Amino acid sequence: MIDLYEYENNLYAQNINYIGGVDEVGRGPLIGPVVASCVVLPKDFILEGLTDSKKLSEKKRDKFYSYIIENALAYGIGIIGPEIIDQVNIYQASKLAMLEAIKQVKEKLPLEHVLIDAMPLDLDIPSTSIIKGDSKSISIAAASVVAKVVRDKMMYDLDLKYPEYGFAKHKGYPTKLHLEKIKEYGLIDGYRKTYGPIKELMEETK
């Protein structure tokens, strides 16, 4: 059984109190932004069942999201759009989103340490990069839920605007349904033009 509080408790024991958990979502989709979140939880924070957002049902994620937002000491959300993703690549764009989320938190409280899901960042405060951090750290798990719910909301908004593409179902990921819809209806604003399936489609329609 993984202790989700181990990383945080080790830092609390060193008298480090403001710990930010950082995660991003949206590296794989063909459309829309990559979204990152940084969440600072209070020491006594408990949320039974909280883990990596991908392992939670949508209903549970939405419920957890509200609880996290209400109880966090601070949180930040970084959003980097498809134009920047195409310019710098998705890895660098994910870093930019994380840095923006961290910056927002630092404006609210004196962040002392950052726990990051899998990605090393160049920061002026100590940080720890944890592989599969969203299922090993309570703070990163909270950040993964916040980022996922925020990005999914964007996909639901896009679905209202373009219902024929099925964004509410596939959330922009390259599913069979999504690829079929793109071929049928063509590209709309927001697609990542450097991504393979989109590049291929653009070549075909030249």
N, C-alpha and C. Protein backbone atom coordinates (compact mmCIF):
# COMPACT_ATOMS: atom_id res chain seq x y z
N MET A 1 0.85 -1.20 0.00
CA MET A 1 0.00 0.00 0.00
C MET A 1 0.89 1.26 0.00
N ILE A 2 0.69 2.10 -1.01
CA ILE A 2 1.49 3.32 -1.10
C ILE A 2 0.98 4.36 -0.10
N ASP A 3 1.92 4.96 0.64
CA ASP A 3 1.57 6.03 1.57
C ASP A 3 1.62 7.35 0.80
N LEU A 4 0.45 7.89 0.49
CA LEU A 4 0.37 9.12 -0.31
C LEU A 4 0.91 10.34 0.44
N TYR A 5 1.14 10.20 1.72
CA TYR A 5 1.59 11.34 2.53
C TYR A 5 3.09 11.30 2.83
N GLU A 6 3.77 10.27 2.34
CA GLU A 6 5.18 10.06 2.72
C GLU A 6 6.06 11.24 2.33
N TYR A 7 5.98 11.68 1.09
CA TYR A 7 6.83 12.80 0.63
C TYR A 7 6.53 14.06 1.43
N GLU A 8 5.24 14.34 1.60
CA GLU A 8 4.84 15.55 2.34
C GLU A 8 5.28 15.47 3.80
N ASN A 9 5.07 14.32 4.43
CA ASN A 9 5.42 14.18 5.85
C ASN A 9 6.93 14.31 6.09
N ASN A 10 7.73 13.80 5.15
CA ASN A 10 9.19 13.95 5.25
C ASN A 10 9.59 15.42 5.22
N LEU A 11 8.89 16.19 4.39
CA LEU A 11 9.19 17.63 4.30
C LEU A 11 8.67 18.38 5.52
N TYR A 12 7.47 18.02 6.00
CA TYR A 12 6.93 18.63 7.23
C TYR A 12 7.89 18.41 8.40
N ALA A 13 8.50 17.23 8.43
CA ALA A 13 9.44 16.89 9.51
C ALA A 13 10.68 17.78 9.48
N GLN A 14 10.96 18.36 8.31
CA GLN A 14 12.09 19.30 8.16
C GLN A 14 11.64 20.75 8.32
N ASN A 15 10.41 20.91 8.85
CA ASN A 15 9.82 22.24 9.06
C ASN A 15 9.56 22.99 7.75
N ILE A 16 9.29 22.21 6.69
CA ILE A 16 8.88 22.79 5.40
C ILE A 16 7.37 22.63 5.31
N ASN A 17 6.66 23.75 5.28
CA ASN A 17 5.20 23.70 5.42
C ASN A 17 4.40 23.98 4.15
N TYR A 18 4.97 24.81 3.29
CA TYR A 18 4.25 25.15 2.05
C TYR A 18 4.79 24.32 0.89
N ILE A 19 4.11 23.21 0.63
CA ILE A 19 4.55 22.24 -0.38
C ILE A 19 3.56 22.23 -1.53
N GLY A 20 4.06 22.47 -2.72
CA GLY A 20 3.19 22.47 -3.90
C GLY A 20 3.29 21.15 -4.65
N GLY A 21 2.16 20.56 -4.96
CA GLY A 21 2.12 19.40 -5.85
C GLY A 21 1.81 19.88 -7.25
N VAL A 22 2.54 19.39 -8.25
CA VAL A 22 2.38 19.89 -9.62
C VAL A 22 2.17 18.73 -10.59
N ASP A 23 1.17 18.88 -11.45
CA ASP A 23 0.93 17.88 -12.50
C ASP A 23 0.29 18.57 -13.70
N GLU A 24 0.39 17.91 -14.85
CA GLU A 24 -0.24 18.45 -16.06
C GLU A 24 -1.10 17.38 -16.71
N VAL A 25 -1.99 17.83 -17.56
CA VAL A 25 -2.84 16.92 -18.33
C VAL A 25 -2.98 17.50 -19.74
N GLY A 26 -3.09 16.60 -20.72
CA GLY A 26 -3.35 17.07 -22.08
C GLY A 26 -2.15 17.02 -23.00
N ARG A 27 -1.22 16.12 -22.74
CA ARG A 27 -0.08 15.99 -23.66
C ARG A 27 -0.47 15.22 -24.92
N GLY A 28 -1.40 14.28 -24.76
CA GLY A 28 -1.75 13.40 -25.87
C GLY A 28 -2.81 13.90 -26.85
N PRO A 29 -3.74 14.77 -26.43
CA PRO A 29 -4.82 15.19 -27.34
C PRO A 29 -4.32 15.90 -28.60
N LEU A 30 -5.16 15.89 -29.61
CA LEU A 30 -4.84 16.53 -30.88
C LEU A 30 -5.27 17.99 -30.91
N ILE A 31 -6.07 18.39 -29.93
CA ILE A 31 -6.65 19.74 -29.93
C ILE A 31 -6.64 20.34 -28.53
N GLY A 32 -6.60 21.67 -28.50
CA GLY A 32 -6.71 22.36 -27.21
C GLY A 32 -5.40 22.49 -26.47
N PRO A 33 -5.45 23.08 -25.28
CA PRO A 33 -4.23 23.37 -24.53
C PRO A 33 -3.74 22.20 -23.68
N VAL A 34 -2.52 22.35 -23.20
CA VAL A 34 -2.03 21.51 -22.11
C VAL A 34 -2.28 22.34 -20.84
N VAL A 35 -2.78 21.67 -19.80
CA VAL A 35 -3.16 22.36 -18.56
C VAL A 35 -2.38 21.77 -17.39
N ALA A 36 -1.78 22.64 -16.60
CA ALA A 36 -1.07 22.20 -15.39
C ALA A 36 -1.67 22.86 -14.17
N SER A 37 -1.50 22.20 -13.04
CA SER A 37 -1.96 22.78 -11.78
C SER A 37 -0.90 22.61 -10.71
N CYS A 38 -0.82 23.59 -9.84
CA CYS A 38 0.01 23.50 -8.63
C CYS A 38 -0.92 23.69 -7.44
N VAL A 39 -0.91 22.74 -6.52
CA VAL A 39 -1.83 22.78 -5.37
C VAL A 39 -1.03 22.66 -4.07
N VAL A 40 -1.31 23.57 -3.14
CA VAL A 40 -0.72 23.49 -1.80
C VAL A 40 -1.82 23.10 -0.82
N LEU A 41 -1.67 21.95 -0.20
CA LEU A 41 -2.69 21.45 0.73
C LEU A 41 -2.31 21.77 2.17
N PRO A 42 -3.30 21.92 3.05
CA PRO A 42 -2.98 22.08 4.48
C PRO A 42 -2.43 20.77 5.05
N LYS A 43 -1.68 20.89 6.14
CA LYS A 43 -1.04 19.71 6.76
C LYS A 43 -2.03 18.61 7.11
N ASP A 44 -3.21 19.00 7.55
CA ASP A 44 -4.18 18.01 8.04
C ASP A 44 -5.15 17.55 6.94
N PHE A 45 -4.80 17.80 5.68
CA PHE A 45 -5.70 17.47 4.57
C PHE A 45 -5.87 15.96 4.43
N ILE A 46 -7.13 15.52 4.40
CA ILE A 46 -7.43 14.10 4.15
C ILE A 46 -8.58 14.03 3.15
N LEU A 47 -8.40 13.21 2.13
CA LEU A 47 -9.47 12.97 1.17
C LEU A 47 -9.40 11.51 0.75
N GLU A 48 -10.23 10.70 1.37
CA GLU A 48 -10.24 9.26 1.12
C GLU A 48 -10.47 8.96 -0.36
N GLY A 49 -9.59 8.14 -0.93
CA GLY A 49 -9.79 7.72 -2.31
C GLY A 49 -9.08 8.58 -3.34
N LEU A 50 -8.50 9.71 -2.90
CA LEU A 50 -7.80 10.58 -3.85
C LEU A 50 -6.56 9.88 -4.39
N THR A 51 -6.43 9.89 -5.72
CA THR A 51 -5.27 9.30 -6.39
C THR A 51 -5.13 9.94 -7.76
N ASP A 52 -4.28 9.39 -8.59
CA ASP A 52 -4.11 9.83 -9.97
C ASP A 52 -5.48 10.00 -10.63
N SER A 53 -5.71 11.18 -11.22
CA SER A 53 -7.04 11.49 -11.79
C SER A 53 -7.50 10.48 -12.84
N LYS A 54 -6.55 9.85 -13.54
CA LYS A 54 -6.90 8.88 -14.59
C LYS A 54 -7.56 7.63 -14.00
N LYS A 55 -7.33 7.39 -12.71
CA LYS A 55 -7.89 6.20 -12.06
C LYS A 55 -9.26 6.46 -11.42
N LEU A 56 -9.73 7.71 -11.51
CA LEU A 56 -11.00 8.08 -10.86
C LEU A 56 -12.10 8.24 -11.90
N SER A 57 -13.33 7.96 -11.48
CA SER A 57 -14.48 8.20 -12.36
C SER A 57 -14.67 9.70 -12.50
N GLU A 58 -15.35 10.11 -13.55
CA GLU A 58 -15.58 11.55 -13.76
C GLU A 58 -16.38 12.15 -12.61
N LYS A 59 -17.37 11.42 -12.15
CA LYS A 59 -18.20 11.90 -11.04
C LYS A 59 -17.35 12.14 -9.79
N LYS A 60 -16.44 11.20 -9.52
CA LYS A 60 -15.58 11.32 -8.34
C LYS A 60 -14.58 12.47 -8.52
N ARG A 61 -14.04 12.59 -9.72
CA ARG A 61 -13.10 13.69 -10.00
C ARG A 61 -13.75 15.05 -9.75
N ASP A 62 -14.98 15.21 -10.24
CA ASP A 62 -15.69 16.48 -10.07
C ASP A 62 -15.92 16.79 -8.59
N LYS A 63 -16.29 15.75 -7.84
CA LYS A 63 -16.54 15.91 -6.40
C LYS A 63 -15.23 16.27 -5.67
N PHE A 64 -14.17 15.54 -6.01
CA PHE A 64 -12.86 15.80 -5.40
C PHE A 64 -12.35 17.19 -5.76
N TYR A 65 -12.56 17.59 -7.01
CA TYR A 65 -12.12 18.91 -7.48
C TYR A 65 -12.69 20.02 -6.58
N SER A 66 -13.99 19.96 -6.35
CA SER A 66 -14.64 20.97 -5.50
C SER A 66 -14.05 20.99 -4.11
N TYR A 67 -13.82 19.80 -3.54
CA TYR A 67 -13.28 19.70 -2.19
C TYR A 67 -11.86 20.25 -2.12
N ILE A 68 -11.05 19.92 -3.15
CA ILE A 68 -9.65 20.38 -3.19
C ILE A 68 -9.60 21.91 -3.29
N ILE A 69 -10.40 22.47 -4.20
CA ILE A 69 -10.41 23.93 -4.41
C ILE A 69 -10.85 24.65 -3.13
N GLU A 70 -11.83 24.09 -2.44
CA GLU A 70 -12.34 24.71 -1.21
C GLU A 70 -11.34 24.65 -0.06
N ASN A 71 -10.54 23.58 -0.03
CA ASN A 71 -9.68 23.33 1.14
C ASN A 71 -8.19 23.63 0.93
N ALA A 72 -7.76 23.82 -0.30
CA ALA A 72 -6.35 24.09 -0.57
C ALA A 72 -5.94 25.44 0.03
N LEU A 73 -4.70 25.53 0.46
CA LEU A 73 -4.17 26.81 0.94
C LEU A 73 -3.99 27.77 -0.24
N ALA A 74 -3.63 27.19 -1.38
CA ALA A 74 -3.50 27.97 -2.62
C ALA A 74 -3.44 27.00 -3.79
N TYR A 75 -3.83 27.49 -4.96
CA TYR A 75 -3.65 26.68 -6.17
C TYR A 75 -3.46 27.60 -7.37
N GLY A 76 -2.80 27.09 -8.37
CA GLY A 76 -2.59 27.84 -9.60
C GLY A 76 -2.87 26.93 -10.79
N ILE A 77 -3.28 27.54 -11.91
CA ILE A 77 -3.59 26.77 -13.12
C ILE A 77 -2.87 27.41 -14.30
N GLY A 78 -2.00 26.65 -14.94
CA GLY A 78 -1.29 27.13 -16.13
C GLY A 78 -1.88 26.51 -17.38
N ILE A 79 -2.16 27.35 -18.36
CA ILE A 79 -2.78 26.88 -19.61
C ILE A 79 -1.92 27.36 -20.79
N ILE A 80 -1.42 26.41 -21.56
CA ILE A 80 -0.61 26.75 -22.74
C ILE A 80 -1.32 26.21 -23.98
N GLY A 81 -1.65 27.13 -24.88
CA GLY A 81 -2.47 26.80 -26.03
C GLY A 81 -1.73 26.10 -27.16
N PRO A 82 -2.49 25.63 -28.17
CA PRO A 82 -1.92 24.86 -29.27
C PRO A 82 -0.89 25.60 -30.11
N GLU A 83 -1.02 26.93 -30.21
CA GLU A 83 -0.05 27.70 -31.00
C GLU A 83 1.35 27.57 -30.39
N ILE A 84 1.41 27.70 -29.06
CA ILE A 84 2.71 27.57 -28.36
C ILE A 84 3.19 26.12 -28.41
N ILE A 85 2.28 25.18 -28.23
CA ILE A 85 2.64 23.75 -28.31
C ILE A 85 3.31 23.46 -29.66
N ASP A 86 2.73 24.00 -30.74
CA ASP A 86 3.30 23.79 -32.08
C ASP A 86 4.66 24.47 -32.24
N GLN A 87 4.84 25.58 -31.53
CA GLN A 87 6.12 26.31 -31.63
C GLN A 87 7.25 25.63 -30.87
N VAL A 88 6.96 25.20 -29.65
CA VAL A 88 8.06 24.75 -28.76
C VAL A 88 8.09 23.25 -28.51
N ASN A 89 7.08 22.51 -28.88
CA ASN A 89 6.81 21.07 -28.67
C ASN A 89 6.08 20.85 -27.33
N ILE A 90 5.41 19.72 -27.23
CA ILE A 90 4.52 19.47 -26.09
C ILE A 90 5.27 19.33 -24.77
N TYR A 91 6.48 18.79 -24.81
CA TYR A 91 7.27 18.63 -23.58
C TYR A 91 7.58 20.00 -22.97
N GLN A 92 8.08 20.91 -23.82
CA GLN A 92 8.41 22.26 -23.34
C GLN A 92 7.14 23.02 -22.94
N ALA A 93 6.06 22.83 -23.70
CA ALA A 93 4.80 23.50 -23.38
C ALA A 93 4.26 23.02 -22.03
N SER A 94 4.43 21.74 -21.72
CA SER A 94 4.01 21.20 -20.42
C SER A 94 4.79 21.86 -19.30
N LYS A 95 6.09 22.05 -19.52
CA LYS A 95 6.92 22.75 -18.53
C LYS A 95 6.45 24.18 -18.32
N LEU A 96 6.14 24.86 -19.42
CA LEU A 96 5.67 26.25 -19.33
C LEU A 96 4.37 26.33 -18.53
N ALA A 97 3.47 25.37 -18.77
CA ALA A 97 2.20 25.35 -18.03
C ALA A 97 2.45 25.14 -16.54
N MET A 98 3.36 24.24 -16.21
CA MET A 98 3.71 23.98 -14.80
C MET A 98 4.32 25.23 -14.15
N LEU A 99 5.22 25.87 -14.88
CA LEU A 99 5.88 27.07 -14.33
C LEU A 99 4.86 28.19 -14.08
N GLU A 100 3.89 28.32 -14.97
CA GLU A 100 2.84 29.33 -14.78
C GLU A 100 1.99 29.02 -13.55
N ALA A 101 1.64 27.74 -13.37
CA ALA A 101 0.84 27.33 -12.21
C ALA A 101 1.60 27.60 -10.91
N ILE A 102 2.90 27.30 -10.91
CA ILE A 102 3.74 27.54 -9.73
C ILE A 102 3.85 29.04 -9.45
N LYS A 103 4.03 29.82 -10.50
CA LYS A 103 4.14 31.29 -10.36
C LYS A 103 2.89 31.87 -9.69
N GLN A 104 1.72 31.38 -10.10
CA GLN A 104 0.47 31.87 -9.50
C GLN A 104 0.42 31.57 -8.00
N VAL A 105 0.89 30.39 -7.62
CA VAL A 105 0.89 30.02 -6.20
C VAL A 105 1.88 30.88 -5.41
N LYS A 106 3.04 31.12 -6.01
CA LYS A 106 4.07 31.92 -5.32
C LYS A 106 3.62 33.36 -5.06
N GLU A 107 2.65 33.80 -5.86
CA GLU A 107 2.10 35.14 -5.63
C GLU A 107 1.15 35.17 -4.42
N LYS A 108 0.73 33.97 -3.97
CA LYS A 108 -0.24 33.89 -2.87
C LYS A 108 0.39 33.49 -1.53
N LEU A 109 1.45 32.69 -1.60
CA LEU A 109 2.10 32.28 -0.35
C LEU A 109 3.56 31.90 -0.61
N PRO A 110 4.38 31.83 0.46
CA PRO A 110 5.81 31.55 0.30
C PRO A 110 6.10 30.05 0.07
N LEU A 111 5.93 29.62 -1.16
CA LEU A 111 6.15 28.22 -1.53
C LEU A 111 7.58 27.81 -1.17
N GLU A 112 7.72 26.65 -0.48
CA GLU A 112 9.05 26.25 0.00
C GLU A 112 9.62 25.05 -0.74
N HIS A 113 8.75 24.20 -1.28
CA HIS A 113 9.21 23.00 -1.98
C HIS A 113 8.12 22.58 -2.97
N VAL A 114 8.55 22.04 -4.10
CA VAL A 114 7.59 21.60 -5.10
C VAL A 114 7.82 20.12 -5.42
N LEU A 115 6.73 19.36 -5.38
CA LEU A 115 6.75 17.95 -5.78
C LEU A 115 6.13 17.87 -7.18
N ILE A 116 6.88 17.37 -8.14
CA ILE A 116 6.45 17.42 -9.54
C ILE A 116 6.29 16.02 -10.10
N ASP A 117 5.23 15.84 -10.87
CA ASP A 117 5.02 14.54 -11.50
C ASP A 117 5.97 14.36 -12.67
N ALA A 118 7.04 13.61 -12.44
CA ALA A 118 7.94 13.08 -13.49
C ALA A 118 8.80 14.09 -14.24
N MET A 119 8.55 15.38 -14.10
CA MET A 119 9.25 16.35 -14.95
C MET A 119 10.16 17.27 -14.16
N PRO A 120 11.46 17.27 -14.46
CA PRO A 120 12.36 18.21 -13.76
C PRO A 120 12.12 19.64 -14.25
N LEU A 121 12.07 20.58 -13.33
CA LEU A 121 11.88 21.98 -13.68
C LEU A 121 13.02 22.81 -13.12
N ASP A 122 13.38 23.87 -13.83
CA ASP A 122 14.41 24.79 -13.37
C ASP A 122 13.75 25.85 -12.50
N LEU A 123 13.86 25.70 -11.19
CA LEU A 123 13.16 26.58 -10.25
C LEU A 123 14.14 27.24 -9.29
N ASP A 124 13.69 28.33 -8.66
CA ASP A 124 14.52 28.98 -7.65
C ASP A 124 14.20 28.49 -6.24
N ILE A 125 13.39 27.44 -6.16
CA ILE A 125 13.11 26.80 -4.86
C ILE A 125 13.35 25.29 -5.01
N PRO A 126 13.61 24.58 -3.91
CA PRO A 126 13.85 23.14 -4.02
C PRO A 126 12.65 22.40 -4.61
N SER A 127 12.95 21.35 -5.35
CA SER A 127 11.88 20.54 -5.94
C SER A 127 12.29 19.08 -6.02
N THR A 128 11.30 18.23 -6.09
CA THR A 128 11.52 16.79 -6.24
C THR A 128 10.66 16.29 -7.39
N SER A 129 11.30 15.66 -8.37
CA SER A 129 10.57 15.07 -9.49
C SER A 129 10.31 13.60 -9.17
N ILE A 130 9.05 13.20 -9.22
CA ILE A 130 8.67 11.84 -8.81
C ILE A 130 8.00 11.11 -9.98
N ILE A 131 8.59 10.01 -10.41
CA ILE A 131 7.97 9.20 -11.47
C ILE A 131 6.65 8.64 -10.92
N LYS A 132 5.60 8.75 -11.73
CA LYS A 132 4.24 8.35 -11.31
C LYS A 132 3.84 9.04 -10.00
N GLY A 133 4.26 10.29 -9.89
CA GLY A 133 4.00 11.07 -8.67
C GLY A 133 2.53 11.24 -8.35
N ASP A 134 1.68 11.21 -9.42
CA ASP A 134 0.24 11.40 -9.17
C ASP A 134 -0.40 10.24 -8.42
N SER A 135 0.31 9.11 -8.32
CA SER A 135 -0.21 8.02 -7.49
C SER A 135 0.70 7.74 -6.28
N LYS A 136 1.64 8.68 -6.00
CA LYS A 136 2.55 8.52 -4.86
C LYS A 136 2.52 9.69 -3.89
N SER A 137 1.97 10.82 -4.32
CA SER A 137 1.95 12.02 -3.47
C SER A 137 0.56 12.63 -3.46
N ILE A 138 0.05 12.91 -2.29
CA ILE A 138 -1.30 13.48 -2.14
C ILE A 138 -1.40 14.84 -2.84
N SER A 139 -0.34 15.64 -2.78
CA SER A 139 -0.35 16.97 -3.39
C SER A 139 -0.38 16.88 -4.92
N ILE A 140 0.42 15.96 -5.47
CA ILE A 140 0.44 15.79 -6.93
C ILE A 140 -0.89 15.19 -7.40
N ALA A 141 -1.43 14.26 -6.62
CA ALA A 141 -2.74 13.67 -6.97
C ALA A 141 -3.81 14.77 -7.03
N ALA A 142 -3.77 15.68 -6.06
CA ALA A 142 -4.73 16.79 -6.04
C ALA A 142 -4.56 17.67 -7.27
N ALA A 143 -3.29 17.95 -7.63
CA ALA A 143 -3.02 18.77 -8.82
C ALA A 143 -3.50 18.07 -10.09
N SER A 144 -3.35 16.75 -10.14
CA SER A 144 -3.78 16.00 -11.33
C SER A 144 -5.30 16.09 -11.51
N VAL A 145 -6.03 16.07 -10.41
CA VAL A 145 -7.50 16.18 -10.48
C VAL A 145 -7.90 17.58 -10.94
N VAL A 146 -7.28 18.60 -10.37
CA VAL A 146 -7.61 19.98 -10.75
C VAL A 146 -7.34 20.21 -12.24
N ALA A 147 -6.15 19.81 -12.69
CA ALA A 147 -5.79 20.02 -14.11
C ALA A 147 -6.74 19.27 -15.04
N LYS A 148 -7.06 18.04 -14.68
CA LYS A 148 -7.94 17.20 -15.53
C LYS A 148 -9.34 17.80 -15.63
N VAL A 149 -9.91 18.22 -14.51
CA VAL A 149 -11.28 18.76 -14.52
C VAL A 149 -11.32 20.07 -15.31
N VAL A 150 -10.30 20.91 -15.13
CA VAL A 150 -10.25 22.18 -15.87
C VAL A 150 -10.17 21.93 -17.37
N ARG A 151 -9.32 20.99 -17.78
CA ARG A 151 -9.19 20.74 -19.23
C ARG A 151 -10.44 20.07 -19.80
N ASP A 152 -11.00 19.13 -19.06
CA ASP A 152 -12.24 18.47 -19.53
C ASP A 152 -13.37 19.48 -19.72
N LYS A 153 -13.44 20.47 -18.83
CA LYS A 153 -14.47 21.52 -18.95
C LYS A 153 -14.30 22.26 -20.28
N MET A 154 -13.06 22.50 -20.67
CA MET A 154 -12.79 23.16 -21.95
C MET A 154 -13.29 22.31 -23.12
N MET A 155 -13.12 20.99 -22.97
CA MET A 155 -13.57 20.08 -24.03
C MET A 155 -15.10 20.03 -24.10
N TYR A 156 -15.76 20.14 -22.95
CA TYR A 156 -17.24 20.19 -22.94
C TYR A 156 -17.72 21.49 -23.60
N ASP A 157 -17.02 22.59 -23.33
CA ASP A 157 -17.38 23.86 -23.96
C ASP A 157 -17.21 23.77 -25.48
N LEU A 158 -16.12 23.10 -25.90
CA LEU A 158 -15.88 22.93 -27.34
C LEU A 158 -16.95 22.02 -27.95
N ASP A 159 -17.40 21.06 -27.18
CA ASP A 159 -18.44 20.14 -27.65
C ASP A 159 -19.76 20.88 -27.89
N LEU A 160 -20.06 21.87 -27.06
CA LEU A 160 -21.28 22.66 -27.25
C LEU A 160 -21.21 23.47 -28.54
N LYS A 161 -20.00 23.91 -28.86
CA LYS A 161 -19.79 24.72 -30.06
C LYS A 161 -19.75 23.86 -31.33
N TYR A 162 -19.12 22.70 -31.21
CA TYR A 162 -18.96 21.80 -32.37
C TYR A 162 -19.42 20.39 -31.98
N PRO A 163 -20.72 20.17 -31.77
CA PRO A 163 -21.20 18.87 -31.27
C PRO A 163 -20.89 17.70 -32.21
N GLU A 164 -20.72 18.00 -33.49
CA GLU A 164 -20.49 16.91 -34.45
C GLU A 164 -19.14 16.20 -34.27
N TYR A 165 -18.21 16.82 -33.53
CA TYR A 165 -16.87 16.22 -33.37
C TYR A 165 -16.79 15.23 -32.20
N GLY A 166 -17.75 15.30 -31.29
CA GLY A 166 -17.75 14.35 -30.17
C GLY A 166 -16.73 14.62 -29.08
N PHE A 167 -16.38 15.90 -28.87
CA PHE A 167 -15.34 16.24 -27.88
C PHE A 167 -15.70 15.79 -26.46
N ALA A 168 -16.98 15.78 -26.13
CA ALA A 168 -17.41 15.35 -24.78
C ALA A 168 -17.05 13.90 -24.53
N LYS A 169 -16.99 13.12 -25.62
CA LYS A 169 -16.66 11.68 -25.47
C LYS A 169 -15.15 11.45 -25.40
N HIS A 170 -14.42 11.96 -26.42
CA HIS A 170 -12.99 11.60 -26.52
C HIS A 170 -12.04 12.63 -25.93
N LYS A 171 -12.56 13.81 -25.54
CA LYS A 171 -11.76 14.87 -24.90
C LYS A 171 -10.56 15.32 -25.75
N GLY A 172 -10.65 15.09 -27.06
CA GLY A 172 -9.58 15.54 -27.95
C GLY A 172 -8.51 14.52 -28.22
N TYR A 173 -8.56 13.38 -27.53
CA TYR A 173 -7.55 12.33 -27.76
C TYR A 173 -7.77 11.66 -29.12
N PRO A 174 -6.72 11.08 -29.70
CA PRO A 174 -6.82 10.53 -31.05
C PRO A 174 -7.51 9.17 -31.12
N THR A 175 -8.76 9.11 -30.70
CA THR A 175 -9.53 7.87 -30.78
C THR A 175 -9.97 7.64 -32.23
N LYS A 176 -10.44 6.43 -32.49
CA LYS A 176 -10.94 6.10 -33.84
C LYS A 176 -12.08 7.06 -34.22
N LEU A 177 -13.00 7.27 -33.27
CA LEU A 177 -14.14 8.17 -33.49
C LEU A 177 -13.66 9.57 -33.84
N HIS A 178 -12.72 10.09 -33.07
CA HIS A 178 -12.22 11.44 -33.28
C HIS A 178 -11.60 11.58 -34.67
N LEU A 179 -10.76 10.62 -35.04
CA LEU A 179 -10.08 10.68 -36.34
C LEU A 179 -11.09 10.62 -37.49
N GLU A 180 -12.13 9.83 -37.29
CA GLU A 180 -13.19 9.74 -38.31
C GLU A 180 -13.91 11.08 -38.45
N LYS A 181 -14.19 11.73 -37.33
CA LYS A 181 -14.89 13.02 -37.33
C LYS A 181 -14.05 14.11 -38.01
N ILE A 182 -12.74 14.08 -37.74
CA ILE A 182 -11.85 15.07 -38.37
C ILE A 182 -11.88 14.89 -39.89
N LYS A 183 -11.82 13.61 -40.32
CA LYS A 183 -11.83 13.35 -41.77
C LYS A 183 -13.16 13.80 -42.39
N GLU A 184 -14.23 13.63 -41.62
CA GLU A 184 -15.56 13.98 -42.13
C GLU A 184 -15.78 15.49 -42.17
N TYR A 185 -15.38 16.20 -41.11
CA TYR A 185 -15.73 17.61 -40.98
C TYR A 185 -14.55 18.56 -41.17
N GLY A 186 -13.33 18.04 -41.23
CA GLY A 186 -12.16 18.90 -41.39
C GLY A 186 -11.67 19.49 -40.08
N LEU A 187 -10.69 20.37 -40.17
CA LEU A 187 -10.05 20.95 -38.98
C LEU A 187 -10.73 22.25 -38.56
N ILE A 188 -10.84 22.44 -37.26
CA ILE A 188 -11.31 23.71 -36.71
C ILE A 188 -10.14 24.34 -35.96
N ASP A 189 -10.30 25.58 -35.52
CA ASP A 189 -9.25 26.25 -34.74
C ASP A 189 -8.95 25.45 -33.48
N GLY A 190 -7.67 25.38 -33.13
CA GLY A 190 -7.29 24.72 -31.88
C GLY A 190 -6.59 23.39 -32.07
N TYR A 191 -6.58 22.87 -33.30
CA TYR A 191 -5.85 21.61 -33.52
C TYR A 191 -4.36 21.87 -33.50
N ARG A 192 -3.61 20.88 -33.00
CA ARG A 192 -2.15 20.98 -32.91
C ARG A 192 -1.56 20.51 -34.24
N LYS A 193 -1.08 21.46 -35.01
CA LYS A 193 -0.69 21.18 -36.39
C LYS A 193 0.59 20.36 -36.52
N THR A 194 1.36 20.24 -35.44
CA THR A 194 2.60 19.46 -35.49
C THR A 194 2.36 18.00 -35.10
N TYR A 195 1.13 17.67 -34.70
CA TYR A 195 0.83 16.28 -34.31
C TYR A 195 0.56 15.43 -35.55
N GLY A 196 1.10 14.21 -35.53
CA GLY A 196 1.06 13.30 -36.68
C GLY A 196 -0.25 13.24 -37.44
N PRO A 197 -1.35 12.84 -36.79
CA PRO A 197 -2.62 12.69 -37.52
C PRO A 197 -3.10 13.99 -38.17
N ILE A 198 -2.80 15.13 -37.52
CA ILE A 198 -3.23 16.42 -38.05
C ILE A 198 -2.34 16.81 -39.24
N LYS A 199 -1.04 16.55 -39.10
CA LYS A 199 -0.10 16.81 -40.20
C LYS A 199 -0.50 16.02 -41.44
N GLU A 200 -0.83 14.74 -41.20
CA GLU A 200 -1.23 13.87 -42.32
C GLU A 200 -2.47 14.41 -43.02
N LEU A 201 -3.44 14.83 -42.22
CA LEU A 201 -4.69 15.35 -42.78
C LEU A 201 -4.45 16.63 -43.59
N MET A 202 -3.57 17.48 -43.06
CA MET A 202 -3.24 18.72 -43.76
C MET A 202 -2.55 18.43 -45.09
N GLU A 203 -1.72 17.39 -45.08
CA GLU A 203 -1.03 16.99 -46.34
C GLU A 203 -2.04 16.49 -47.37
N GLU A 204 -2.99 15.69 -46.88
CA GLU A 204 -4.01 15.10 -47.77
C GLU A 204 -4.90 16.17 -48.40
N THR A 205 -5.15 17.24 -47.65
CA THR A 205 -6.09 18.25 -48.15
C THR A 205 -5.41 19.39 -48.89
N LYS A 206 -4.10 19.28 -49.07
CA LYS A 206 -3.35 20.34 -49.79
C LYS A 206 -3.79 20.37 -51.26
